[in-house]
């Protein structure tokens, strides 16, 4: 496992606040997890669609933005995100796993597809999107 993933998951931002952990990030793919709680539910007691979209947004932005060490891991920026909700997720479904694959693109703009599944494999949501590759901070450019 890439030791830089700990830095990405430890960042004190939106993902950490919502419990999203980056567990795999390679050239062309990524995977994030979330252990849902009642804080992630809508009034019907189901996992809020915004949580699922956030997971998809994060993992798909990773899929085309990988840089090898010693560069920093910098997620991409979302240009479009199209989401399809297949079935509902509940807090008792256990850990949710979002995975994504880069499907094409060029030097700076890329396409990705992703999905969210329960830990037992039930498909919850799918998405496609267009993203801009993450840029290295000026101090880290090679």
N, C-alpha and C. Protein backbone atom coordinates (compact mmCIF):
# COMPACT_ATOMS: atom_id res chain seq x y z
N UNK A 1 0.84 -1.19 0.00
CA UNK A 1 0.00 0.00 0.00
C UNK A 1 0.89 1.25 0.00
N UNK A 2 0.50 2.23 -0.77
CA UNK A 2 1.24 3.49 -0.87
C UNK A 2 1.15 4.23 0.46
N UNK A 3 2.28 4.50 1.12
CA UNK A 3 2.24 5.18 2.42
C UNK A 3 1.65 6.59 2.36
N UNK A 4 1.59 7.18 1.16
CA UNK A 4 1.02 8.53 1.03
C UNK A 4 -0.49 8.53 1.25
N UNK A 5 -1.13 7.37 1.18
CA UNK A 5 -2.59 7.29 1.41
C UNK A 5 -2.97 7.72 2.82
N UNK A 6 -2.09 7.45 3.78
CA UNK A 6 -2.37 7.88 5.16
C UNK A 6 -2.50 9.39 5.24
N UNK A 7 -1.63 10.11 4.53
CA UNK A 7 -1.69 11.57 4.53
C UNK A 7 -2.99 12.06 3.90
N UNK A 8 -3.41 11.41 2.81
CA UNK A 8 -4.64 11.81 2.13
C UNK A 8 -5.84 11.59 3.05
N UNK A 9 -5.91 10.43 3.69
CA UNK A 9 -7.05 10.12 4.56
C UNK A 9 -7.03 10.91 5.85
N UNK A 10 -5.85 11.33 6.31
CA UNK A 10 -5.74 12.08 7.56
C UNK A 10 -6.04 13.57 7.39
N UNK A 11 -6.09 14.05 6.14
CA UNK A 11 -6.36 15.46 5.90
C UNK A 11 -7.66 15.87 6.59
N UNK A 12 -7.62 16.94 7.36
CA UNK A 12 -8.75 17.37 8.19
C UNK A 12 -9.78 18.16 7.39
N UNK A 13 -10.31 17.60 6.35
CA UNK A 13 -11.28 18.29 5.51
C UNK A 13 -12.60 17.56 5.42
N UNK A 14 -13.29 17.81 4.35
CA UNK A 14 -14.64 17.30 4.12
C UNK A 14 -14.71 15.77 4.17
N UNK A 15 -13.77 15.11 3.53
CA UNK A 15 -13.79 13.64 3.51
C UNK A 15 -13.65 13.07 4.91
N UNK A 16 -12.70 13.57 5.67
CA UNK A 16 -12.50 13.07 7.04
C UNK A 16 -13.73 13.36 7.89
N UNK A 17 -14.28 14.55 7.75
CA UNK A 17 -15.49 14.92 8.51
C UNK A 17 -16.63 13.94 8.24
N UNK A 18 -16.73 13.46 7.01
CA UNK A 18 -17.80 12.55 6.63
C UNK A 18 -17.44 11.07 6.76
N UNK A 19 -16.21 10.77 7.16
CA UNK A 19 -15.81 9.39 7.38
C UNK A 19 -15.35 8.65 6.15
N UNK A 20 -15.00 9.37 5.09
CA UNK A 20 -14.54 8.73 3.86
C UNK A 20 -13.03 8.49 3.95
N UNK A 21 -12.63 7.24 3.73
CA UNK A 21 -11.22 6.88 3.80
C UNK A 21 -10.74 6.37 2.44
N UNK A 22 -9.65 6.93 1.96
CA UNK A 22 -9.02 6.47 0.72
C UNK A 22 -8.23 5.21 1.06
N UNK A 23 -8.60 4.07 0.47
CA UNK A 23 -7.92 2.81 0.78
C UNK A 23 -7.07 2.29 -0.37
N UNK A 24 -7.28 2.81 -1.58
CA UNK A 24 -6.46 2.39 -2.71
C UNK A 24 -6.47 3.51 -3.75
N UNK A 25 -5.29 3.83 -4.26
CA UNK A 25 -5.17 4.85 -5.29
C UNK A 25 -3.99 4.48 -6.17
N UNK A 26 -4.29 4.10 -7.39
CA UNK A 26 -3.26 3.71 -8.34
C UNK A 26 -3.50 4.47 -9.63
N UNK A 27 -2.56 4.32 -10.56
CA UNK A 27 -2.72 4.95 -11.86
C UNK A 27 -3.91 4.31 -12.57
N UNK A 28 -5.00 5.06 -12.71
CA UNK A 28 -6.18 4.58 -13.42
C UNK A 28 -7.30 4.04 -12.56
N UNK A 29 -7.12 4.01 -11.24
CA UNK A 29 -8.18 3.48 -10.39
C UNK A 29 -8.07 4.00 -8.97
N UNK A 30 -9.13 3.78 -8.21
CA UNK A 30 -9.14 4.16 -6.81
C UNK A 30 -10.27 3.46 -6.08
N UNK A 31 -10.17 3.48 -4.74
CA UNK A 31 -11.21 2.90 -3.90
C UNK A 31 -11.26 3.66 -2.59
N UNK A 32 -12.48 3.98 -2.14
CA UNK A 32 -12.70 4.64 -0.86
C UNK A 32 -13.77 3.85 -0.10
N UNK A 33 -13.76 3.98 1.22
CA UNK A 33 -14.76 3.31 2.05
C UNK A 33 -15.40 4.30 3.01
N UNK A 34 -16.55 3.90 3.49
CA UNK A 34 -17.27 4.69 4.50
C UNK A 34 -18.08 3.71 5.34
N UNK A 35 -17.95 3.80 6.65
CA UNK A 35 -18.79 3.03 7.55
C UNK A 35 -19.93 3.93 7.97
N UNK A 36 -21.14 3.68 7.43
CA UNK A 36 -22.24 4.61 7.67
C UNK A 36 -22.78 4.54 9.10
N UNK A 37 -23.31 5.68 9.51
CA UNK A 37 -23.97 5.79 10.82
C UNK A 37 -25.27 6.56 10.61
N UNK A 38 -25.97 6.78 11.69
CA UNK A 38 -27.22 7.54 11.59
C UNK A 38 -26.96 8.98 11.12
N UNK A 39 -25.74 9.47 11.29
CA UNK A 39 -25.39 10.81 10.80
C UNK A 39 -25.40 10.90 9.28
N UNK A 40 -25.36 9.76 8.59
CA UNK A 40 -25.34 9.73 7.13
C UNK A 40 -26.72 9.48 6.52
N UNK A 41 -27.75 9.48 7.34
CA UNK A 41 -29.08 9.12 6.84
C UNK A 41 -29.95 10.34 6.51
N UNK A 42 -30.95 10.07 5.68
CA UNK A 42 -31.98 11.06 5.38
C UNK A 42 -33.17 10.81 6.32
N UNK A 43 -34.24 11.59 6.25
CA UNK A 43 -35.38 11.39 7.16
C UNK A 43 -36.03 10.01 7.06
N UNK A 44 -35.82 9.29 5.96
CA UNK A 44 -36.38 7.94 5.81
C UNK A 44 -35.49 6.87 6.46
N UNK A 45 -34.35 7.28 7.01
CA UNK A 45 -33.44 6.33 7.64
C UNK A 45 -32.51 5.63 6.67
N UNK A 46 -32.48 6.08 5.42
CA UNK A 46 -31.61 5.52 4.39
C UNK A 46 -30.36 6.40 4.25
N UNK A 47 -29.29 5.83 3.71
CA UNK A 47 -28.08 6.63 3.50
C UNK A 47 -28.41 7.71 2.48
N UNK A 48 -28.13 8.94 2.84
CA UNK A 48 -28.45 10.10 2.01
C UNK A 48 -27.73 10.00 0.66
N UNK A 49 -28.45 10.33 -0.40
CA UNK A 49 -27.86 10.30 -1.74
C UNK A 49 -26.64 11.17 -1.88
N UNK A 50 -26.59 12.27 -1.13
CA UNK A 50 -25.43 13.15 -1.18
C UNK A 50 -24.18 12.48 -0.65
N UNK A 51 -24.32 11.58 0.31
CA UNK A 51 -23.18 10.82 0.82
C UNK A 51 -22.65 9.90 -0.28
N UNK A 52 -23.56 9.23 -0.97
CA UNK A 52 -23.16 8.32 -2.05
C UNK A 52 -22.49 9.09 -3.19
N UNK A 53 -23.07 10.25 -3.53
CA UNK A 53 -22.48 11.07 -4.59
C UNK A 53 -21.11 11.59 -4.19
N UNK A 54 -20.94 11.92 -2.93
CA UNK A 54 -19.64 12.38 -2.44
C UNK A 54 -18.60 11.28 -2.58
N UNK A 55 -18.96 10.06 -2.19
CA UNK A 55 -18.03 8.94 -2.33
C UNK A 55 -17.63 8.76 -3.80
N UNK A 56 -18.62 8.82 -4.70
CA UNK A 56 -18.34 8.66 -6.12
C UNK A 56 -17.48 9.81 -6.65
N UNK A 57 -17.79 11.01 -6.25
CA UNK A 57 -17.03 12.19 -6.67
C UNK A 57 -15.56 12.05 -6.26
N UNK A 58 -15.33 11.66 -5.02
CA UNK A 58 -13.97 11.53 -4.50
C UNK A 58 -13.20 10.45 -5.26
N UNK A 59 -13.77 9.26 -5.35
CA UNK A 59 -13.03 8.14 -5.92
C UNK A 59 -12.81 8.32 -7.42
N UNK A 60 -13.77 8.91 -8.12
CA UNK A 60 -13.59 9.12 -9.55
C UNK A 60 -12.54 10.19 -9.83
N UNK A 61 -12.46 11.21 -8.98
CA UNK A 61 -11.43 12.25 -9.13
C UNK A 61 -10.04 11.68 -8.88
N UNK A 62 -9.94 10.63 -8.08
CA UNK A 62 -8.65 9.98 -7.84
C UNK A 62 -8.17 9.21 -9.06
N UNK A 63 -9.11 8.59 -9.76
CA UNK A 63 -8.75 7.58 -10.77
C UNK A 63 -7.84 8.09 -11.88
N UNK A 64 -7.88 9.36 -12.20
CA UNK A 64 -7.03 9.89 -13.26
C UNK A 64 -6.00 10.89 -12.78
N UNK A 65 -5.76 10.94 -11.47
CA UNK A 65 -4.88 11.97 -10.92
C UNK A 65 -3.69 11.42 -10.15
N UNK A 66 -3.39 10.15 -10.32
CA UNK A 66 -2.28 9.55 -9.59
C UNK A 66 -0.95 10.08 -10.10
N UNK A 67 -0.05 10.39 -9.18
CA UNK A 67 1.33 10.74 -9.49
C UNK A 67 2.23 9.83 -8.65
N UNK A 68 3.31 9.31 -9.23
CA UNK A 68 4.20 8.42 -8.48
C UNK A 68 5.03 9.20 -7.46
N UNK A 69 5.56 8.50 -6.44
CA UNK A 69 6.45 9.15 -5.49
C UNK A 69 7.66 9.71 -6.24
N UNK A 70 8.24 10.77 -5.79
CA UNK A 70 8.03 11.44 -4.51
C UNK A 70 6.95 12.53 -4.56
N UNK A 71 6.23 12.65 -5.68
CA UNK A 71 5.20 13.68 -5.78
C UNK A 71 4.06 13.41 -4.80
N UNK A 72 3.33 14.47 -4.46
CA UNK A 72 2.17 14.34 -3.58
C UNK A 72 1.01 13.74 -4.36
N UNK A 73 0.11 13.11 -3.64
CA UNK A 73 -1.15 12.64 -4.23
C UNK A 73 -2.14 13.80 -4.17
N UNK A 74 -2.55 14.29 -5.33
CA UNK A 74 -3.47 15.42 -5.42
C UNK A 74 -4.70 15.03 -6.22
N UNK A 75 -5.88 14.93 -5.58
CA UNK A 75 -7.09 14.54 -6.30
C UNK A 75 -7.43 15.53 -7.41
N UNK A 76 -8.19 15.05 -8.38
CA UNK A 76 -8.63 15.89 -9.48
C UNK A 76 -9.82 16.75 -9.10
N UNK A 77 -10.25 17.56 -10.05
CA UNK A 77 -11.39 18.46 -9.88
C UNK A 77 -12.53 17.97 -10.75
N UNK A 78 -13.74 18.00 -10.22
CA UNK A 78 -14.90 17.51 -10.94
C UNK A 78 -15.42 18.56 -11.91
N UNK A 79 -15.62 18.16 -13.16
CA UNK A 79 -16.24 19.02 -14.17
C UNK A 79 -17.70 18.63 -14.38
N UNK A 80 -17.98 17.33 -14.47
CA UNK A 80 -19.37 16.83 -14.51
C UNK A 80 -19.43 15.53 -13.74
N UNK A 81 -20.60 15.26 -13.16
CA UNK A 81 -20.83 14.01 -12.43
C UNK A 81 -22.27 13.60 -12.66
N UNK A 82 -22.45 12.43 -13.27
CA UNK A 82 -23.79 11.90 -13.55
C UNK A 82 -23.97 10.65 -12.71
N UNK A 83 -24.97 10.65 -11.83
CA UNK A 83 -25.15 9.57 -10.87
C UNK A 83 -26.47 8.85 -11.09
N UNK A 84 -26.44 7.53 -10.97
CA UNK A 84 -27.63 6.71 -11.04
C UNK A 84 -27.75 5.96 -9.72
N UNK A 85 -28.89 6.14 -9.03
CA UNK A 85 -29.13 5.43 -7.78
C UNK A 85 -29.87 4.14 -8.11
N UNK A 86 -29.28 3.01 -7.76
CA UNK A 86 -29.82 1.70 -8.13
C UNK A 86 -30.75 1.18 -7.04
N UNK A 87 -30.31 1.21 -5.81
CA UNK A 87 -31.11 0.78 -4.68
C UNK A 87 -30.65 1.54 -3.44
N UNK A 88 -31.44 1.48 -2.40
CA UNK A 88 -31.12 2.21 -1.17
C UNK A 88 -30.07 1.48 -0.35
N UNK A 89 -29.29 2.26 0.37
CA UNK A 89 -28.35 1.72 1.36
C UNK A 89 -28.83 2.13 2.74
N UNK A 90 -28.59 1.25 3.70
CA UNK A 90 -29.00 1.49 5.08
C UNK A 90 -27.77 1.42 5.99
N UNK A 91 -27.83 2.06 7.15
CA UNK A 91 -26.67 1.99 8.05
C UNK A 91 -26.27 0.56 8.41
N UNK A 92 -27.24 -0.36 8.48
CA UNK A 92 -26.90 -1.74 8.84
C UNK A 92 -26.37 -2.56 7.66
N UNK A 93 -26.20 -1.94 6.49
CA UNK A 93 -25.58 -2.63 5.36
C UNK A 93 -24.07 -2.79 5.55
N UNK A 94 -23.52 -2.14 6.54
CA UNK A 94 -22.09 -2.24 6.79
C UNK A 94 -21.32 -1.26 5.93
N UNK A 95 -20.03 -1.49 5.83
CA UNK A 95 -19.13 -0.59 5.11
C UNK A 95 -19.55 -0.46 3.65
N UNK A 96 -19.57 0.78 3.16
CA UNK A 96 -19.82 1.05 1.75
C UNK A 96 -18.48 1.22 1.06
N UNK A 97 -18.37 0.66 -0.14
CA UNK A 97 -17.12 0.69 -0.89
C UNK A 97 -17.39 1.32 -2.25
N UNK A 98 -16.69 2.41 -2.53
CA UNK A 98 -16.79 3.06 -3.84
C UNK A 98 -15.50 2.80 -4.59
N UNK A 99 -15.63 2.39 -5.84
CA UNK A 99 -14.45 2.17 -6.67
C UNK A 99 -14.65 2.87 -8.01
N UNK A 100 -13.54 3.22 -8.64
CA UNK A 100 -13.61 3.94 -9.92
C UNK A 100 -12.46 3.53 -10.82
N UNK A 101 -12.71 3.70 -12.11
CA UNK A 101 -11.71 3.43 -13.13
C UNK A 101 -11.70 4.58 -14.12
N UNK A 102 -10.50 5.04 -14.46
CA UNK A 102 -10.34 6.02 -15.53
C UNK A 102 -10.65 5.32 -16.84
N UNK A 103 -11.52 5.93 -17.66
CA UNK A 103 -11.93 5.28 -18.91
C UNK A 103 -11.35 5.96 -20.15
N UNK A 104 -10.71 7.10 -20.00
CA UNK A 104 -10.12 7.78 -21.15
C UNK A 104 -9.75 9.20 -20.81
N UNK A 105 -9.35 9.94 -21.85
CA UNK A 105 -8.99 11.33 -21.67
C UNK A 105 -7.61 11.64 -22.20
N UNK A 106 -7.17 12.85 -21.88
CA UNK A 106 -5.87 13.31 -22.34
C UNK A 106 -4.95 13.66 -21.20
N UNK A 107 -4.09 14.64 -21.43
CA UNK A 107 -3.08 15.02 -20.44
C UNK A 107 -3.71 15.64 -19.18
N UNK A 108 -4.73 16.48 -19.34
CA UNK A 108 -5.30 17.20 -18.20
C UNK A 108 -6.75 16.85 -17.89
N UNK A 109 -7.52 16.44 -18.88
CA UNK A 109 -8.93 16.12 -18.69
C UNK A 109 -9.10 14.61 -18.87
N UNK A 110 -9.87 13.99 -17.96
CA UNK A 110 -10.08 12.55 -18.07
C UNK A 110 -11.53 12.18 -17.74
N UNK A 111 -11.89 10.99 -18.18
CA UNK A 111 -13.22 10.42 -17.96
C UNK A 111 -13.10 9.26 -16.98
N UNK A 112 -14.14 9.08 -16.17
CA UNK A 112 -14.10 8.03 -15.17
C UNK A 112 -15.50 7.45 -14.97
N UNK A 113 -15.54 6.19 -14.55
CA UNK A 113 -16.80 5.58 -14.14
C UNK A 113 -16.59 4.96 -12.77
N UNK A 114 -17.66 4.97 -11.97
CA UNK A 114 -17.53 4.46 -10.62
C UNK A 114 -18.80 3.79 -10.15
N UNK A 115 -18.67 3.13 -9.00
CA UNK A 115 -19.83 2.47 -8.39
C UNK A 115 -19.65 2.42 -6.89
N UNK A 116 -20.79 2.35 -6.18
CA UNK A 116 -20.79 2.13 -4.73
C UNK A 116 -21.49 0.81 -4.49
N UNK A 117 -20.86 -0.03 -3.68
CA UNK A 117 -21.44 -1.32 -3.30
C UNK A 117 -21.36 -1.49 -1.78
N UNK A 118 -22.23 -2.34 -1.25
CA UNK A 118 -22.12 -2.73 0.15
C UNK A 118 -20.99 -3.75 0.25
N UNK A 119 -20.56 -4.03 1.47
CA UNK A 119 -19.46 -4.98 1.63
C UNK A 119 -19.84 -6.39 1.18
N UNK A 120 -21.14 -6.70 1.10
CA UNK A 120 -21.54 -8.01 0.58
C UNK A 120 -21.81 -7.98 -0.93
N UNK A 121 -21.50 -6.85 -1.59
CA UNK A 121 -21.56 -6.79 -3.04
C UNK A 121 -22.80 -6.19 -3.66
N UNK A 122 -23.77 -5.76 -2.85
CA UNK A 122 -25.00 -5.18 -3.41
C UNK A 122 -24.69 -3.83 -4.06
N UNK A 123 -25.08 -3.67 -5.33
CA UNK A 123 -24.84 -2.43 -6.06
C UNK A 123 -25.82 -1.36 -5.59
N UNK A 124 -25.29 -0.22 -5.16
CA UNK A 124 -26.10 0.88 -4.63
C UNK A 124 -26.23 2.00 -5.65
N UNK A 125 -25.14 2.41 -6.26
CA UNK A 125 -25.16 3.54 -7.20
C UNK A 125 -24.01 3.41 -8.19
N UNK A 126 -24.20 4.01 -9.37
CA UNK A 126 -23.14 4.09 -10.37
C UNK A 126 -23.02 5.54 -10.83
N UNK A 127 -21.91 5.86 -11.47
CA UNK A 127 -21.72 7.22 -11.96
C UNK A 127 -20.70 7.24 -13.09
N UNK A 128 -20.80 8.29 -13.89
CA UNK A 128 -19.79 8.62 -14.88
C UNK A 128 -19.47 10.10 -14.71
N UNK A 129 -18.29 10.51 -15.13
CA UNK A 129 -17.96 11.91 -14.99
C UNK A 129 -16.74 12.32 -15.79
N UNK A 130 -16.55 13.63 -15.81
CA UNK A 130 -15.39 14.25 -16.45
C UNK A 130 -14.66 15.04 -15.37
N UNK A 131 -13.34 14.91 -15.36
CA UNK A 131 -12.53 15.50 -14.30
C UNK A 131 -11.28 16.15 -14.88
N UNK A 132 -10.71 17.07 -14.11
CA UNK A 132 -9.44 17.70 -14.46
C UNK A 132 -8.40 17.15 -13.50
N UNK A 133 -7.28 16.72 -14.04
CA UNK A 133 -6.21 16.14 -13.22
C UNK A 133 -5.77 17.10 -12.12
N UNK A 134 -5.51 16.55 -10.93
CA UNK A 134 -5.01 17.35 -9.82
C UNK A 134 -3.63 17.89 -10.14
N UNK A 135 -3.35 19.10 -9.66
CA UNK A 135 -2.04 19.73 -9.92
C UNK A 135 -1.20 19.68 -8.67
N UNK A 136 0.08 19.52 -8.88
CA UNK A 136 1.03 19.53 -7.77
C UNK A 136 1.22 20.95 -7.25
N UNK A 137 1.36 21.10 -5.92
CA UNK A 137 1.73 22.41 -5.39
C UNK A 137 3.06 22.84 -6.00
N UNK A 138 3.26 24.13 -6.20
CA UNK A 138 4.47 24.65 -6.86
C UNK A 138 5.75 24.08 -6.24
N UNK A 139 5.79 23.92 -4.93
CA UNK A 139 7.01 23.45 -4.26
C UNK A 139 7.31 22.00 -4.57
N UNK A 140 6.29 21.23 -5.04
CA UNK A 140 6.50 19.80 -5.28
C UNK A 140 6.63 19.43 -6.74
N UNK A 141 6.57 20.37 -7.63
CA UNK A 141 6.67 20.04 -9.05
C UNK A 141 8.09 19.55 -9.38
N UNK A 142 8.13 18.51 -10.16
CA UNK A 142 9.44 17.94 -10.51
C UNK A 142 9.98 18.60 -11.76
